[in-house]
Amino acid sequence: MSRSPLALALALATFAATLAPAAASASSPAAVGAQRAVADATPSPEPQAKNAGSIGGLVASVDYGASTMTVTAGSRHLQIHVLPSTNIQGPGNAFHTIADIKKGAHVRVLMSQVGSTYNAQLITLK
């Protein structure tokens, strides 16, 4: 059974008419405003890490669960995050884990800072 060209044209015109309101509503002021609101809701990028220098001192405490340690140097007490990527070296340049850091140990820590958070990049156990 063949269709006439007129029937095919009528079917295409009907289909195109159903798409026109959807296309018009996508460019309506309300739709554009909704798209802008979604774009504005995009979170701002994380602050960039910067070099925070180093600190040498005594380990005042270690929180193994939170992967943090507090280092005391004179009157300065600094909480430092120990990341999975942190290199921890001991005597003879042997590598260690956070489990090897004990309260009272002498350390030297090279750090980066993101916002108000200090992250250990290299910890040397003395």
PDB file of N, CA and C in Angstrom:
ATOM      1  N   MET A   1       0.839  -1.163   0.000  1.00  0.00           N
ATOM      2  CA  MET A   1       0.000   0.000   0.000  1.00  0.00           C
ATOM      3  C   MET A   1       0.892   1.236   0.000  1.00  0.00           C
ATOM      4  N   SER A   2       0.734   2.089  -0.979  1.00  0.00           N
ATOM      5  CA  SER A   2       1.576   3.271  -1.088  1.00  0.00           C
ATOM      6  C   SER A   2       0.817   4.495  -0.609  1.00  0.00           C
ATOM      7  N   ARG A   3       1.581   5.419  -0.047  1.00  0.00           N
ATOM      8  CA  ARG A   3       0.973   6.657   0.436  1.00  0.00           C
ATOM      9  C   ARG A   3       1.158   7.734  -0.623  1.00  0.00           C
ATOM     10  N   SER A   4       0.231   8.605  -0.651  1.00  0.00           N
ATOM     11  CA  SER A   4       0.353   9.701  -1.614  1.00  0.00           C
ATOM     12  C   SER A   4       1.296  10.755  -1.067  1.00  0.00           C
ATOM     13  N   PRO A   5       1.932  11.525  -1.927  1.00  0.00           N
ATOM     14  CA  PRO A   5       2.818  12.594  -1.467  1.00  0.00           C
ATOM     15  C   PRO A   5       2.088  13.600  -0.589  1.00  0.00           C
ATOM     16  N   LEU A   6       0.807  13.809  -0.845  1.00  0.00           N
ATOM     17  CA  LEU A   6       0.038  14.755  -0.042  1.00  0.00           C
ATOM     18  C   LEU A   6      -0.121  14.244   1.387  1.00  0.00           C
ATOM     19  N   ALA A   7      -0.374  12.958   1.564  1.00  0.00           N
ATOM     20  CA  ALA A   7      -0.526  12.381   2.901  1.00  0.00           C
ATOM     21  C   ALA A   7       0.794  12.443   3.663  1.00  0.00           C
ATOM     22  N   LEU A   8       1.884  12.203   2.969  1.00  0.00           N
ATOM     23  CA  LEU A   8       3.203  12.272   3.602  1.00  0.00           C
ATOM     24  C   LEU A   8       3.528  13.705   4.021  1.00  0.00           C
ATOM     25  N   ALA A   9       3.228  14.667   3.176  1.00  0.00           N
ATOM     26  CA  ALA A   9       3.466  16.074   3.506  1.00  0.00           C
ATOM     27  C   ALA A   9       2.622  16.489   4.697  1.00  0.00           C
ATOM     28  N   LEU A  10       1.378  16.038   4.755  1.00  0.00           N
ATOM     29  CA  LEU A  10       0.493  16.364   5.874  1.00  0.00           C
ATOM     30  C   LEU A  10       1.022  15.761   7.171  1.00  0.00           C
ATOM     31  N   ALA A  11       1.531  14.554   7.128  1.00  0.00           N
ATOM     32  CA  ALA A  11       2.087  13.905   8.322  1.00  0.00           C
ATOM     33  C   ALA A  11       3.321  14.653   8.816  1.00  0.00           C
ATOM     34  N   LEU A  12       4.195  15.067   7.898  1.00  0.00           N
ATOM     35  CA  LEU A  12       5.390  15.825   8.284  1.00  0.00           C
ATOM     36  C   LEU A  12       5.026  17.187   8.856  1.00  0.00           C
ATOM     37  N   ALA A  13       4.042  17.852   8.293  1.00  0.00           N
ATOM     38  CA  ALA A  13       3.615  19.163   8.793  1.00  0.00           C
ATOM     39  C   ALA A  13       3.047  19.037  10.198  1.00  0.00           C
ATOM     40  N   THR A  14       2.281  17.991  10.453  1.00  0.00           N
ATOM     41  CA  THR A  14       1.711  17.766  11.784  1.00  0.00           C
ATOM     42  C   THR A  14       2.820  17.507  12.798  1.00  0.00           C
ATOM     43  N   PHE A  15       3.808  16.713  12.421  1.00  0.00           N
ATOM     44  CA  PHE A  15       4.937  16.417  13.313  1.00  0.00           C
ATOM     45  C   PHE A  15       5.733  17.685  13.615  1.00  0.00           C
ATOM     46  N   ALA A  16       6.001  18.496  12.595  1.00  0.00           N
ATOM     47  CA  ALA A  16       6.756  19.739  12.784  1.00  0.00           C
ATOM     48  C   ALA A  16       5.995  20.700  13.682  1.00  0.00           C
ATOM     49  N   ALA A  17       4.672  20.727  13.573  1.00  0.00           N
ATOM     50  CA  ALA A  17       3.860  21.621  14.408  1.00  0.00           C
ATOM     51  C   ALA A  17       3.936  21.223  15.877  1.00  0.00           C
ATOM     52  N   THR A  18       4.098  19.938  16.166  1.00  0.00           N
ATOM     53  CA  THR A  18       4.207  19.515  17.569  1.00  0.00           C
ATOM     54  C   THR A  18       5.558  19.882  18.161  1.00  0.00           C
ATOM     55  N   LEU A  19       6.592  20.004  17.317  1.00  0.00           N
ATOM     56  CA  LEU A  19       7.918  20.381  17.805  1.00  0.00           C
ATOM     57  C   LEU A  19       8.067  21.882  18.005  1.00  0.00           C
ATOM     58  N   ALA A  20       7.340  22.701  17.297  1.00  0.00           N
ATOM     59  CA  ALA A  20       7.498  24.155  17.350  1.00  0.00           C
ATOM     60  C   ALA A  20       7.288  24.726  18.749  1.00  0.00           C
ATOM     61  N   PRO A  21       6.235  24.340  19.503  1.00  0.00           N
ATOM     62  CA  PRO A  21       6.079  24.913  20.846  1.00  0.00           C
ATOM     63  C   PRO A  21       7.240  24.548  21.774  1.00  0.00           C
ATOM     64  N   ALA A  22       7.778  23.342  21.661  1.00  0.00           N
ATOM     65  CA  ALA A  22       8.900  22.941  22.515  1.00  0.00           C
ATOM     66  C   ALA A  22      10.137  23.764  22.193  1.00  0.00           C
ATOM     67  N   ALA A  23      10.388  24.008  20.914  1.00  0.00           N
ATOM     68  CA  ALA A  23      11.549  24.810  20.528  1.00  0.00           C
ATOM     69  C   ALA A  23      11.372  26.255  20.967  1.00  0.00           C
ATOM     70  N   ALA A  24      10.150  26.776  20.856  1.00  0.00           N
ATOM     71  CA  ALA A  24       9.893  28.156  21.269  1.00  0.00           C
ATOM     72  C   ALA A  24      10.038  28.310  22.774  1.00  0.00           C
ATOM     73  N   SER A  25       9.585  27.301  23.538  1.00  0.00           N
ATOM     74  CA  SER A  25       9.669  27.424  24.996  1.00  0.00           C
ATOM     75  C   SER A  25      11.109  27.338  25.485  1.00  0.00           C
ATOM     76  N   ALA A  26      12.003  26.667  24.754  1.00  0.00           N
ATOM     77  CA  ALA A  26      13.402  26.571  25.174  1.00  0.00           C
ATOM     78  C   ALA A  26      14.105  27.914  25.090  1.00  0.00           C
ATOM     79  N   SER A  27      13.612  28.800  24.196  1.00  0.00           N
ATOM     80  CA  SER A  27      14.236  30.113  24.094  1.00  0.00           C
ATOM     81  C   SER A  27      13.414  31.195  24.783  1.00  0.00           C
ATOM     82  N   SER A  28      12.361  30.804  25.485  1.00  0.00           N
ATOM     83  CA  SER A  28      11.543  31.786  26.197  1.00  0.00           C
ATOM     84  C   SER A  28      12.340  32.388  27.343  1.00  0.00           C
ATOM     85  N   PRO A  29      11.965  33.584  27.802  1.00  0.00           N
ATOM     86  CA  PRO A  29      12.699  34.217  28.908  1.00  0.00           C
ATOM     87  C   PRO A  29      12.776  33.341  30.156  1.00  0.00           C
ATOM     88  N   ALA A  30      11.709  32.606  30.447  1.00  0.00           N
ATOM     89  CA  ALA A  30      11.729  31.750  31.639  1.00  0.00           C
ATOM     90  C   ALA A  30      12.747  30.626  31.486  1.00  0.00           C
ATOM     91  N   ALA A  31      12.804  30.030  30.289  1.00  0.00           N
ATOM     92  CA  ALA A  31      13.757  28.939  30.068  1.00  0.00           C
ATOM     93  C   ALA A  31      15.186  29.457  30.091  1.00  0.00           C
ATOM     94  N   VAL A  32      15.416  30.628  29.506  1.00  0.00           N
ATOM     95  CA  VAL A  32      16.758  31.207  29.515  1.00  0.00           C
ATOM     96  C   VAL A  32      17.168  31.536  30.942  1.00  0.00           C
ATOM     97  N   GLY A  33      16.240  32.061  31.738  1.00  0.00           N
ATOM     98  CA  GLY A  33      16.524  32.356  33.148  1.00  0.00           C
ATOM     99  C   GLY A  33      16.855  31.101  33.928  1.00  0.00           C
ATOM    100  N   ALA A  34      16.146  30.002  33.647  1.00  0.00           N
ATOM    101  CA  ALA A  34      16.427  28.743  34.336  1.00  0.00           C
ATOM    102  C   ALA A  34      17.802  28.218  33.954  1.00  0.00           C
ATOM    103  N   GLN A  35      18.160  28.357  32.668  1.00  0.00           N
ATOM    104  CA  GLN A  35      19.487  27.919  32.241  1.00  0.00           C
ATOM    105  C   GLN A  35      20.564  28.761  32.908  1.00  0.00           C
ATOM    106  N   ARG A  36      20.322  30.065  33.055  1.00  0.00           N
ATOM    107  CA  ARG A  36      21.290  30.947  33.697  1.00  0.00           C
ATOM    108  C   ARG A  36      21.428  30.577  35.177  1.00  0.00           C
ATOM    109  N   ALA A  37      20.306  30.231  35.842  1.00  0.00           N
ATOM    110  CA  ALA A  37      20.356  29.850  37.257  1.00  0.00           C
ATOM    111  C   ALA A  37      21.186  28.593  37.448  1.00  0.00           C
ATOM    112  N   VAL A  38      21.069  27.645  36.525  1.00  0.00           N
ATOM    113  CA  VAL A  38      21.872  26.426  36.612  1.00  0.00           C
ATOM    114  C   VAL A  38      23.347  26.768  36.433  1.00  0.00           C
ATOM    115  N   ALA A  39      23.655  27.640  35.495  1.00  0.00           N
ATOM    116  CA  ALA A  39      25.050  28.036  35.278  1.00  0.00           C
ATOM    117  C   ALA A  39      25.597  28.771  36.493  1.00  0.00           C
ATOM    118  N   ASP A  40      24.771  29.606  37.138  1.00  0.00           N
ATOM    119  CA  ASP A  40      25.216  30.340  38.321  1.00  0.00           C
ATOM    120  C   ASP A  40      25.414  29.426  39.522  1.00  0.00           C
ATOM    121  N   ALA A  41      24.755  28.261  39.530  1.00  0.00           N
ATOM    122  CA  ALA A  41      24.862  27.336  40.654  1.00  0.00           C
ATOM    123  C   ALA A  41      26.131  26.498  40.595  1.00  0.00           C
ATOM    124  N   THR A  42      26.904  26.642  39.537  1.00  0.00           N
ATOM    125  CA  THR A  42      28.151  25.895  39.408  1.00  0.00           C
ATOM    126  C   THR A  42      29.101  26.314  40.526  1.00  0.00           C
ATOM    127  N   PRO A  43      29.647  25.343  41.284  1.00  0.00           N
ATOM    128  CA  PRO A  43      30.529  25.712  42.401  1.00  0.00           C
ATOM    129  C   PRO A  43      31.800  26.388  41.908  1.00  0.00           C
ATOM    130  N   SER A  44      32.304  27.270  42.741  1.00  0.00           N
ATOM    131  CA  SER A  44      33.551  27.942  42.391  1.00  0.00           C
ATOM    132  C   SER A  44      34.705  26.954  42.523  1.00  0.00           C
ATOM    133  N   PRO A  45      35.763  27.160  41.781  1.00  0.00           N
ATOM    134  CA  PRO A  45      36.888  26.222  41.841  1.00  0.00           C
ATOM    135  C   PRO A  45      37.565  26.244  43.213  1.00  0.00           C
ATOM    136  N   GLU A  46      38.191  25.119  43.543  1.00  0.00           N
ATOM    137  CA  GLU A  46      38.929  25.017  44.802  1.00  0.00           C
ATOM    138  C   GLU A  46      40.069  26.028  44.818  1.00  0.00           C
ATOM    139  N   PRO A  47      40.386  26.568  45.999  1.00  0.00           N
ATOM    140  CA  PRO A  47      41.546  27.460  46.051  1.00  0.00           C
ATOM    141  C   PRO A  47      42.817  26.693  45.695  1.00  0.00           C
ATOM    142  N   GLN A  48      43.751  27.378  45.094  1.00  0.00           N
ATOM    143  CA  GLN A  48      44.998  26.758  44.665  1.00  0.00           C
ATOM    144  C   GLN A  48      45.940  26.549  45.849  1.00  0.00           C
ATOM    145  N   ALA A  49      46.651  25.436  45.817  1.00  0.00           N
ATOM    146  CA  ALA A  49      47.647  25.159  46.851  1.00  0.00           C
ATOM    147  C   ALA A  49      48.842  26.074  46.651  1.00  0.00           C
ATOM    148  N   LYS A  50      49.404  26.534  47.756  1.00  0.00           N
ATOM    149  CA  LYS A  50      50.609  27.351  47.673  1.00  0.00           C
ATOM    150  C   LYS A  50      51.643  26.797  48.636  1.00  0.00           C
ATOM    151  N   ASN A  51      52.885  27.124  48.392  1.00  0.00           N
ATOM    152  CA  ASN A  51      53.978  26.673  49.240  1.00  0.00           C
ATOM    153  C   ASN A  51      53.833  27.325  50.611  1.00  0.00           C
ATOM    154  N   ALA A  52      53.823  26.516  51.671  1.00  0.00           N
ATOM    155  CA  ALA A  52      53.690  27.040  53.029  1.00  0.00           C
ATOM    156  C   ALA A  52      55.000  26.945  53.793  1.00  0.00           C
ATOM    157  N   GLY A  53      56.080  26.582  53.115  1.00  0.00           N
ATOM    158  CA  GLY A  53      57.372  26.508  53.785  1.00  0.00           C
ATOM    159  C   GLY A  53      57.537  25.228  54.575  1.00  0.00           C
ATOM    160  N   SER A  54      58.273  25.315  55.675  1.00  0.00           N
ATOM    161  CA  SER A  54      58.538  24.122  56.481  1.00  0.00           C
ATOM    162  C   SER A  54      58.480  24.474  57.953  1.00  0.00           C
ATOM    163  N   ILE A  55      58.347  23.442  58.757  1.00  0.00           N
ATOM    164  CA  ILE A  55      58.378  23.583  60.204  1.00  0.00           C
ATOM    165  C   ILE A  55      59.158  22.400  60.753  1.00  0.00           C
ATOM    166  N   GLY A  56      59.988  22.655  61.723  1.00  0.00           N
ATOM    167  CA  GLY A  56      60.719  21.600  62.413  1.00  0.00           C
ATOM    168  C   GLY A  56      60.360  21.679  63.883  1.00  0.00           C
ATOM    169  N   GLY A  57      60.060  20.546  64.480  1.00  0.00           N
ATOM    170  CA  GLY A  57      59.692  20.561  65.890  1.00  0.00           C
ATOM    171  C   GLY A  57      59.314  19.194  66.395  1.00  0.00           C
ATOM    172  N   LEU A  58      58.562  19.195  67.499  1.00  0.00           N
ATOM    173  CA  LEU A  58      58.119  17.954  68.134  1.00  0.00           C
ATOM    174  C   LEU A  58      56.678  17.654  67.761  1.00  0.00           C
ATOM    175  N   VAL A  59      56.383  16.374  67.590  1.00  0.00           N
ATOM    176  CA  VAL A  59      55.007  15.955  67.344  1.00  0.00           C
ATOM    177  C   VAL A  59      54.278  15.990  68.683  1.00  0.00           C
ATOM    178  N   ALA A  60      53.288  16.883  68.798  1.00  0.00           N
ATOM    179  CA  ALA A  60      52.516  17.009  70.035  1.00  0.00           C
ATOM    180  C   ALA A  60      51.400  15.975  70.092  1.00  0.00           C
ATOM    181  N   SER A  61      50.831  15.627  68.922  1.00  0.00           N
ATOM    182  CA  SER A  61      49.772  14.617  68.878  1.00  0.00           C
ATOM    183  C   SER A  61      49.636  14.100  67.455  1.00  0.00           C
ATOM    184  N   VAL A  62      49.065  12.893  67.349  1.00  0.00           N
ATOM    185  CA  VAL A  62      48.783  12.285  66.047  1.00  0.00           C
ATOM    186  C   VAL A  62      47.380  11.710  66.106  1.00  0.00           C
ATOM    187  N   ASP A  63      46.542  12.051  65.130  1.00  0.00           N
ATOM    188  CA  ASP A  63      45.208  11.466  64.999  1.00  0.00           C
ATOM    189  C   ASP A  63      45.254  10.588  63.752  1.00  0.00           C
ATOM    190  N   TYR A  64      45.439   9.290  63.970  1.00  0.00           N
ATOM    191  CA  TYR A  64      45.610   8.367  62.852  1.00  0.00           C
ATOM    192  C   TYR A  64      44.331   8.247  62.025  1.00  0.00           C
ATOM    193  N   GLY A  65      43.172   8.336  62.679  1.00  0.00           N
ATOM    194  CA  GLY A  65      41.895   8.235  61.961  1.00  0.00           C
ATOM    195  C   GLY A  65      41.657   9.407  61.029  1.00  0.00           C
ATOM    196  N   ALA A  66      42.020  10.606  61.475  1.00  0.00           N
ATOM    197  CA  ALA A  66      41.829  11.814  60.667  1.00  0.00           C
ATOM    198  C   ALA A  66      43.049  12.129  59.806  1.00  0.00           C
ATOM    199  N   SER A  67      44.112  11.356  59.958  1.00  0.00           N
ATOM    200  CA  SER A  67      45.378  11.575  59.233  1.00  0.00           C
ATOM    201  C   SER A  67      45.912  12.987  59.451  1.00  0.00           C
ATOM    202  N   THR A  68      45.945  13.392  60.715  1.00  0.00           N
ATOM    203  CA  THR A  68      46.509  14.696  61.069  1.00  0.00           C
ATOM    204  C   THR A  68      47.510  14.529  62.192  1.00  0.00           C
ATOM    205  N   MET A  69      48.397  15.510  62.291  1.00  0.00           N
ATOM    206  CA  MET A  69      49.320  15.563  63.417  1.00  0.00           C
ATOM    207  C   MET A  69      49.501  17.025  63.786  1.00  0.00           C
ATOM    208  N   THR A  70      49.825  17.265  65.046  1.00  0.00           N
ATOM    209  CA  THR A  70      50.110  18.616  65.508  1.00  0.00           C
ATOM    210  C   THR A  70      51.588  18.692  65.816  1.00  0.00           C
ATOM    211  N   VAL A  71      52.249  19.675  65.214  1.00  0.00           N
ATOM    212  CA  VAL A  71      53.681  19.877  65.422  1.00  0.00           C
ATOM    213  C   VAL A  71      53.857  21.158  66.221  1.00  0.00           C
ATOM    214  N   THR A  72      54.702  21.076  67.266  1.00  0.00           N
ATOM    215  CA  THR A  72      55.001  22.229  68.110  1.00  0.00           C
ATOM    216  C   THR A  72      56.433  22.666  67.863  1.00  0.00           C
ATOM    217  N   ALA A  73      56.587  23.959  67.574  1.00  0.00           N
ATOM    218  CA  ALA A  73      57.914  24.562  67.396  1.00  0.00           C
ATOM    219  C   ALA A  73      57.897  25.857  68.197  1.00  0.00           C
ATOM    220  N   GLY A  74      58.533  25.838  69.363  1.00  0.00           N
ATOM    221  CA  GLY A  74      58.486  26.998  70.252  1.00  0.00           C
ATOM    222  C   GLY A  74      57.059  27.203  70.736  1.00  0.00           C
ATOM    223  N   SER A  75      56.511  28.388  70.517  1.00  0.00           N
ATOM    224  CA  SER A  75      55.135  28.661  70.941  1.00  0.00           C
ATOM    225  C   SER A  75      54.129  28.393  69.821  1.00  0.00           C
ATOM    226  N   ARG A  76      54.605  27.948  68.684  1.00  0.00           N
ATOM    227  CA  ARG A  76      53.731  27.691  67.532  1.00  0.00           C
ATOM    228  C   ARG A  76      53.249  26.246  67.539  1.00  0.00           C
ATOM    229  N   HIS A  77      51.927  26.065  67.412  1.00  0.00           N
ATOM    230  CA  HIS A  77      51.312  24.736  67.310  1.00  0.00           C
ATOM    231  C   HIS A  77      50.570  24.697  65.979  1.00  0.00           C
ATOM    232  N   LEU A  78      50.912  23.739  65.139  1.00  0.00           N
ATOM    233  CA  LEU A  78      50.340  23.701  63.798  1.00  0.00           C
ATOM    234  C   LEU A  78      49.767  22.325  63.515  1.00  0.00           C
ATOM    235  N   GLN A  79      48.456  22.291  63.163  1.00  0.00           N
ATOM    236  CA  GLN A  79      47.838  21.027  62.766  1.00  0.00           C
ATOM    237  C   GLN A  79      48.098  20.824  61.276  1.00  0.00           C
ATOM    238  N   ILE A  80      48.625  19.652  60.945  1.00  0.00           N
ATOM    239  CA  ILE A  80      49.036  19.351  59.574  1.00  0.00           C
ATOM    240  C   ILE A  80      48.354  18.065  59.123  1.00  0.00           C
ATOM    241  N   HIS A  81      47.769  18.094  57.929  1.00  0.00           N
ATOM    242  CA  HIS A  81      47.143  16.902  57.351  1.00  0.00           C
ATOM    243  C   HIS A  81      48.210  16.069  56.648  1.00  0.00           C
ATOM    244  N   VAL A  82      48.186  14.775  56.907  1.00  0.00           N
ATOM    245  CA  VAL A  82      49.098  13.832  56.253  1.00  0.00           C
ATOM    246  C   VAL A  82      48.286  13.152  55.154  1.00  0.00           C
ATOM    247  N   LEU A  83      48.606  13.452  53.922  1.00  0.00           N
ATOM    248  CA  LEU A  83      47.870  12.941  52.769  1.00  0.00           C
ATOM    249  C   LEU A  83      48.394  11.570  52.351  1.00  0.00           C
ATOM    250  N   PRO A  84      47.600  10.805  51.600  1.00  0.00           N
ATOM    251  CA  PRO A  84      48.117   9.540  51.075  1.00  0.00           C
ATOM    252  C   PRO A  84      49.360   9.744  50.205  1.00  0.00           C
ATOM    253  N   SER A  85      49.490  10.907  49.599  1.00  0.00           N
ATOM    254  CA  SER A  85      50.644  11.191  48.739  1.00  0.00           C
ATOM    255  C   SER A  85      51.846  11.745  49.504  1.00  0.00           C
ATOM    256  N   THR A  86      51.710  11.966  50.819  1.00  0.00           N
ATOM    257  CA  THR A  86      52.814  12.507  51.614  1.00  0.00           C
ATOM    258  C   THR A  86      53.958  11.499  51.691  1.00  0.00           C
ATOM    259  N   ASN A  87      55.178  11.933  51.407  1.00  0.00           N
ATOM    260  CA  ASN A  87      56.367  11.093  51.578  1.00  0.00           C
ATOM    261  C   ASN A  87      56.849  11.242  53.010  1.00  0.00           C
ATOM    262  N   ILE A  88      57.044  10.116  53.684  1.00  0.00           N
ATOM    263  CA  ILE A  88      57.531  10.116  55.066  1.00  0.00           C
ATOM    264  C   ILE A  88      58.839   9.345  55.075  1.00  0.00           C
ATOM    265  N   GLN A  89      59.935  10.052  55.412  1.00  0.00           N
ATOM    266  CA  GLN A  89      61.264   9.440  55.412  1.00  0.00           C
ATOM    267  C   GLN A  89      61.805   9.381  56.827  1.00  0.00           C
ATOM    268  N   GLY A  90      62.519   8.302  57.095  1.00  0.00           N
ATOM    269  CA  GLY A  90      63.166   8.140  58.393  1.00  0.00           C
ATOM    270  C   GLY A  90      64.666   8.086  58.231  1.00  0.00           C
ATOM    271  N   PRO A  91      65.366   7.719  59.286  1.00  0.00           N
ATOM    272  CA  PRO A  91      66.828   7.595  59.214  1.00  0.00           C
ATOM    273  C   PRO A  91      67.225   6.648  58.082  1.00  0.00           C
ATOM    274  N   GLY A  92      68.284   7.014  57.379  1.00  0.00           N
ATOM    275  CA  GLY A  92      68.741   6.185  56.264  1.00  0.00           C
ATOM    276  C   GLY A  92      67.865   6.323  55.038  1.00  0.00           C
ATOM    277  N   ASN A  93      67.016   7.335  55.004  1.00  0.00           N
ATOM    278  CA  ASN A  93      66.099   7.586  53.893  1.00  0.00           C
ATOM    279  C   ASN A  93      65.104   6.461  53.644  1.00  0.00           C
ATOM    280  N   ALA A  94      64.830   5.631  54.672  1.00  0.00           N
ATOM    281  CA  ALA A  94      63.795   4.612  54.547  1.00  0.00           C
ATOM    282  C   ALA A  94      62.431   5.307  54.538  1.00  0.00           C
ATOM    283  N   PHE A  95      61.490   4.775  53.778  1.00  0.00           N
ATOM    284  CA  PHE A  95      60.154   5.364  53.718  1.00  0.00           C
ATOM    285  C   PHE A  95      59.266   4.731  54.772  1.00  0.00           C
ATOM    286  N   HIS A  96      58.365   5.548  55.328  1.00  0.00           N
ATOM    287  CA  HIS A  96      57.489   5.121  56.411  1.00  0.00           C
ATOM    288  C   HIS A  96      56.054   5.527  56.115  1.00  0.00           C
ATOM    289  N   THR A  97      55.157   5.178  57.054  1.00  0.00           N
ATOM    290  CA  THR A  97      53.749   5.566  56.970  1.00  0.00           C
ATOM    291  C   THR A  97      53.413   6.424  58.177  1.00  0.00           C
ATOM    292  N   ILE A  98      52.195   6.949  58.200  1.00  0.00           N
ATOM    293  CA  ILE A  98      51.773   7.767  59.331  1.00  0.00           C
ATOM    294  C   ILE A  98      51.807   6.963  60.631  1.00  0.00           C
ATOM    295  N   ALA A  99      51.677   5.650  60.540  1.00  0.00           N
ATOM    296  CA  ALA A  99      51.724   4.808  61.746  1.00  0.00           C
ATOM    297  C   ALA A  99      53.084   4.878  62.430  1.00  0.00           C
ATOM    298  N   ASP A 100      54.124   5.277  61.704  1.00  0.00           N
ATOM    299  CA  ASP A 100      55.468   5.384  62.276  1.00  0.00           C
ATOM    300  C   ASP A 100      55.709   6.721  62.975  1.00  0.00           C
ATOM    301  N   ILE A 101      54.765   7.644  62.858  1.00  0.00           N
ATOM    302  CA  ILE A 101      54.912   8.952  63.511  1.00  0.00           C
ATOM    303  C   ILE A 101      54.326   8.845  64.913  1.00  0.00           C
ATOM    304  N   LYS A 102      55.144   9.108  65.908  1.00  0.00           N
ATOM    305  CA  LYS A 102      54.726   8.975  67.311  1.00  0.00           C
ATOM    306  C   LYS A 102      54.805  10.324  68.016  1.00  0.00           C
ATOM    307  N   LYS A 103      53.974  10.483  69.019  1.00  0.00           N
ATOM    308  CA  LYS A 103      54.011  11.683  69.858  1.00  0.00           C
ATOM    309  C   LYS A 103      55.414  11.818  70.454  1.00  0.00           C
ATOM    310  N   GLY A 104      55.964  13.028  70.401  1.00  0.00           N
ATOM    311  CA  GLY A 104      57.296  13.291  70.934  1.00  0.00           C
ATOM    312  C   GLY A 104      58.410  13.164  69.916  1.00  0.00           C
ATOM    313  N   ALA A 105      58.099  12.657  68.722  1.00  0.00           N
ATOM    314  CA  ALA A 105      59.123  12.506  67.677  1.00  0.00           C
ATOM    315  C   ALA A 105      59.553  13.877  67.159  1.00  0.00           C
ATOM    316  N   HIS A 106      60.819  13.986  66.791  1.00  0.00           N
ATOM    317  CA  HIS A 106      61.340  15.192  66.139  1.00  0.00           C
ATOM    318  C   HIS A 106      61.094  15.039  64.642  1.00  0.00           C
ATOM    319  N   VAL A 107      60.486  16.054  64.026  1.00  0.00           N
ATOM    320  CA  VAL A 107      60.185  15.996  62.595  1.00  0.00           C
ATOM    321  C   VAL A 107      60.531  17.314  61.914  1.00  0.00           C
ATOM    322  N   ARG A 108      60.707  17.233  60.614  1.00  0.00           N
ATOM    323  CA  ARG A 108      60.786  18.411  59.751  1.00  0.00           C
ATOM    324  C   ARG A 108      59.745  18.162  58.676  1.00  0.00           C
ATOM    325  N   VAL A 109      58.842  19.134  58.471  1.00  0.00           N
ATOM    326  CA  VAL A 109      57.724  18.966  57.545  1.00  0.00           C
ATOM    327  C   VAL A 109      57.754  20.070  56.488  1.00  0.00           C
ATOM    328  N   LEU A 110      57.792  19.675  55.221  1.00  0.00           N
ATOM    329  CA  LEU A 110      57.604  20.600  54.103  1.00  0.00           C
ATOM    330  C   LEU A 110      56.120  20.574  53.761  1.00  0.00           C
ATOM    331  N   MET A 111      55.510  21.769  53.675  1.00  0.00           N
ATOM    332  CA  MET A 111      54.052  21.835  53.572  1.00  0.00           C
ATOM    333  C   MET A 111      53.582  22.669  52.391  1.00  0.00           C
ATOM    334  N   SER A 112      52.323  22.399  52.012  1.00  0.00           N
ATOM    335  CA  SER A 112      51.580  23.286  51.124  1.00  0.00           C
ATOM    336  C   SER A 112      50.362  23.754  51.912  1.00  0.00           C
ATOM    337  N   GLN A 113      49.735  24.812  51.435  1.00  0.00           N
ATOM    338  CA  GLN A 113      48.576  25.358  52.129  1.00  0.00           C
ATOM    339  C   GLN A 113      47.458  25.590  51.125  1.00  0.00           C
ATOM    340  N   VAL A 114      46.259  25.110  51.470  1.00  0.00           N
ATOM    341  CA  VAL A 114      45.059  25.352  50.682  1.00  0.00           C
ATOM    342  C   VAL A 114      44.062  26.002  51.632  1.00  0.00           C
ATOM    343  N   GLY A 115      43.786  27.272  51.421  1.00  0.00           N
ATOM    344  CA  GLY A 115      42.943  27.997  52.367  1.00  0.00           C
ATOM    345  C   GLY A 115      43.657  28.058  53.703  1.00  0.00           C
ATOM    346  N   SER A 116      42.996  27.562  54.753  1.00  0.00           N
ATOM    347  CA  SER A 116      43.623  27.552  56.079  1.00  0.00           C
ATOM    348  C   SER A 116      44.155  26.170  56.456  1.00  0.00           C
ATOM    349  N   THR A 117      44.175  25.243  55.502  1.00  0.00           N
ATOM    350  CA  THR A 117      44.609  23.870  55.756  1.00  0.00           C
ATOM    351  C   THR A 117      46.059  23.676  55.321  1.00  0.00           C
ATOM    352  N   TYR A 118      46.868  23.125  56.228  1.00  0.00           N
ATOM    353  CA  TYR A 118      48.262  22.799  55.923  1.00  0.00           C
ATOM    354  C   TYR A 118      48.350  21.317  55.585  1.00  0.00           C
ATOM    355  N   ASN A 119      48.961  20.994  54.457  1.00  0.00           N
ATOM    356  CA  ASN A 119      49.124  19.617  54.001  1.00  0.00           C
ATOM    357  C   ASN A 119      50.604  19.274  53.923  1.00  0.00           C
ATOM    358  N   ALA A 120      50.967  18.149  54.543  1.00  0.00           N
ATOM    359  CA  ALA A 120      52.360  17.699  54.512  1.00  0.00           C
ATOM    360  C   ALA A 120      52.675  17.125  53.137  1.00  0.00           C
ATOM    361  N   GLN A 121      53.766  17.582  52.554  1.00  0.00           N
ATOM    362  CA  GLN A 121      54.257  17.020  51.299  1.00  0.00           C
ATOM    363  C   GLN A 121      55.402  16.046  51.580  1.00  0.00           C
ATOM    364  N   LEU A 122      56.266  16.415  52.528  1.00  0.00           N
ATOM    365  CA  LEU A 122      57.399  15.580  52.921  1.00  0.00           C
ATOM    366  C   LEU A 122      57.594  15.709  54.423  1.00  0.00           C
ATOM    367  N   ILE A 123      57.634  14.576  55.111  1.00  0.00           N
ATOM    368  CA  ILE A 123      57.918  14.542  56.548  1.00  0.00           C
ATOM    369  C   ILE A 123      59.207  13.765  56.725  1.00  0.00           C
ATOM    370  N   THR A 124      60.170  14.376  57.409  1.00  0.00           N
ATOM    371  CA  THR A 124      61.422  13.695  57.723  1.00  0.00           C
ATOM    372  C   THR A 124      61.452  13.444  59.220  1.00  0.00           C
ATOM    373  N   LEU A 125      61.508  12.150  59.594  1.00  0.00           N
ATOM    374  CA  LEU A 125      61.612  11.768  61.006  1.00  0.00           C
ATOM    375  C   LEU A 125      63.069  11.867  61.407  1.00  0.00           C
ATOM    376  N   LYS A 126      63.351  12.538  62.507  1.00  0.00           N
ATOM    377  CA  LYS A 126      64.733  12.733  62.975  1.00  0.00           C
ATOM    378  C   LYS A 126      65.076  11.696  64.026  1.00  0.00           C
TER     379      LYS A 126
END
